[in-house]
């Protein structure tokens, strides 16, 4: 009988964004942060972006970009990156956006977020976490 495939979850990262998401103007991209997947080589991840209290305009969103680094060079994020865009809810409050089933190449990764919320991000209270997972045969 063939084996079933199941998810195997790794440990979630702490806040890897530090202050890179603070006070980003609408249309601007955050500074790049590093997430190293070269040892564990997880296939997928859940990237959680927490934004401090803001009031996005209707149709506001954020875009996650993931570029690989081979130890010497980083891919050009504007042309070679994986991109994921999700909408933001309207109304004044903190926002939590979870990018699910994000493909994580097995290298050192460079992650950034573009703010398309229609307003500047909060000056504090912003975070980014990566919870990796892969497939396994039990």
Protein backbone atom coordinates (compact mmCIF):
# COMPACT_ATOMS: atom_id res chain seq x y z
CA UNK A 1 0.00 0.00 0.00
CA UNK A 2 1.43 3.44 -0.89
CA UNK A 3 2.36 5.75 1.97
CA UNK A 4 0.42 8.92 2.62
CA UNK A 5 2.14 12.28 2.47
CA UNK A 6 1.72 14.57 5.50
CA UNK A 7 2.85 18.07 6.46
CA UNK A 8 5.90 18.43 8.66
CA UNK A 9 6.13 21.78 10.42
CA UNK A 10 9.35 23.54 11.40
CA UNK A 11 9.85 26.17 14.07
CA UNK A 12 8.41 29.61 13.39
CA UNK A 13 10.89 32.46 13.29
CA UNK A 14 10.83 35.40 15.61
CA UNK A 15 10.15 38.84 14.19
CA UNK A 16 12.61 39.08 11.29
CA UNK A 17 11.42 42.52 10.15
CA UNK A 18 12.85 44.55 13.04
CA UNK A 19 11.95 48.13 12.00
CA UNK A 20 12.00 47.63 8.21
CA UNK A 21 8.20 47.93 7.90
CA UNK A 22 7.94 51.08 10.04
CA UNK A 23 6.70 54.33 8.44
CA UNK A 24 6.77 53.09 4.83
CA UNK A 25 5.00 55.45 2.45
CA UNK A 26 2.30 54.14 0.14
CA UNK A 27 3.95 52.57 -2.91
CA UNK A 28 7.31 52.03 -1.21
CA UNK A 29 9.13 48.77 -0.59
CA UNK A 30 10.66 47.81 2.74
CA UNK A 31 14.31 47.14 3.28
CA UNK A 32 15.16 43.52 2.48
CA UNK A 33 15.30 41.06 5.39
CA UNK A 34 17.04 37.70 5.31
CA UNK A 35 15.51 34.30 6.01
CA UNK A 36 17.97 31.42 5.70
CA UNK A 37 16.40 28.24 4.31
CA UNK A 38 19.69 26.77 3.06
CA UNK A 39 20.05 24.25 5.91
CA UNK A 40 16.50 23.01 6.50
CA UNK A 41 15.39 23.38 2.87
CA UNK A 42 11.70 23.52 3.75
CA UNK A 43 9.48 23.55 0.67
CA UNK A 44 6.83 25.99 1.87
CA UNK A 45 6.13 28.53 4.52
CA UNK A 46 3.51 30.73 6.01
CA UNK A 47 4.66 34.35 6.08
CA UNK A 48 2.76 36.44 8.60
CA UNK A 49 2.94 40.22 8.29
CA UNK A 50 1.59 42.25 11.19
CA UNK A 51 1.03 45.93 10.54
CA UNK A 52 0.49 48.38 13.37
CA UNK A 53 -2.74 50.39 13.38
CA UNK A 54 -3.43 51.96 9.98
CA UNK A 55 -6.50 52.87 7.93
CA UNK A 56 -6.04 51.47 4.41
CA UNK A 57 -8.01 52.85 1.53
CA UNK A 58 -10.47 50.64 -0.32
CA UNK A 59 -8.49 48.23 -2.49
CA UNK A 60 -5.36 48.56 -0.34
CA UNK A 61 -2.93 45.63 -0.32
CA UNK A 62 0.59 44.53 0.45
CA UNK A 63 2.95 42.53 -1.75
CA UNK A 64 5.52 40.06 -0.45
CA UNK A 65 8.65 39.56 -2.60
CA UNK A 66 11.06 36.66 -2.14
CA UNK A 67 14.39 36.62 -3.95
CA UNK A 68 17.15 34.02 -3.62
CA UNK A 69 20.77 34.62 -2.71
CA UNK A 70 23.49 32.12 -3.60
CA UNK A 71 25.93 33.42 -1.01
CA UNK A 72 27.42 35.97 -3.38
CA UNK A 73 24.63 37.49 -5.44
CA UNK A 74 20.96 38.22 -4.84
CA UNK A 75 18.42 37.93 -7.61
CA UNK A 76 16.97 41.21 -8.84
CA UNK A 77 13.79 41.50 -6.79
CA UNK A 78 11.94 43.46 -9.47
CA UNK A 79 12.35 40.81 -12.17
CA UNK A 80 13.41 37.54 -10.51
CA UNK A 81 11.44 37.42 -7.28
CA UNK A 82 8.43 35.36 -6.33
CA UNK A 83 5.59 37.77 -5.56
CA UNK A 84 2.43 37.34 -3.52
CA UNK A 85 -0.20 40.07 -3.07
CA UNK A 86 -3.04 40.10 -0.55
CA UNK A 87 -5.70 42.72 0.21
CA UNK A 88 -5.96 44.63 3.46
CA UNK A 89 -9.21 45.14 5.34
CA UNK A 90 -10.41 48.73 5.65
CA UNK A 91 -11.00 50.46 8.95
CA UNK A 92 -8.62 51.79 11.59
CA UNK A 93 -6.89 48.87 13.29
CA UNK A 94 -3.80 46.69 13.29
CA UNK A 95 -3.74 44.37 10.28
CA UNK A 96 -2.55 40.76 10.11
CA UNK A 97 -1.93 39.32 6.67
CA UNK A 98 -0.96 35.66 6.30
CA UNK A 99 0.59 34.50 3.04
CA UNK A 100 -0.01 30.75 2.99
CA UNK A 101 1.73 28.08 0.92
CA UNK A 102 4.59 30.39 -0.01
CA UNK A 103 7.26 28.52 -1.97
CA UNK A 104 10.61 28.73 -0.16
CA UNK A 105 13.61 27.92 -2.36
CA UNK A 106 16.30 26.02 -0.41
CA UNK A 107 18.72 28.95 -0.14
CA UNK A 108 19.24 32.13 1.78
CA UNK A 109 16.19 34.25 0.95
CA UNK A 110 15.64 38.00 0.79
CA UNK A 111 12.10 39.06 1.74
CA UNK A 112 10.55 42.50 1.33
CA UNK A 113 7.07 44.00 1.53
CA UNK A 114 5.62 46.68 -0.73
CA UNK A 115 3.01 48.89 0.88
CA UNK A 116 0.02 49.54 -1.40
CA UNK A 117 -2.36 50.38 1.45
CA UNK A 118 -3.06 53.93 0.34
CA UNK A 119 -1.43 55.27 3.52
CA UNK A 120 1.88 55.17 5.38
CA UNK A 121 2.48 52.14 7.62
CA UNK A 122 2.53 52.68 11.37
CA UNK A 123 5.75 53.90 12.96
CA UNK A 124 5.88 50.83 15.21
CA UNK A 125 4.12 47.53 15.89
CA UNK A 126 5.04 46.01 12.53
CA UNK A 127 6.39 42.44 12.29
CA UNK A 128 7.19 39.61 9.87
CA UNK A 129 7.39 35.93 10.84
CA UNK A 130 8.09 32.81 8.76
CA UNK A 131 6.66 29.42 9.78
CA UNK A 132 8.24 26.82 7.46
CA UNK A 133 6.84 23.42 6.54
CA UNK A 134 7.50 20.63 4.11
CA UNK A 135 6.03 17.33 3.01
CA UNK A 136 7.07 14.03 4.53
CA UNK A 137 6.18 10.39 4.09
CA UNK A 138 5.33 8.98 7.53
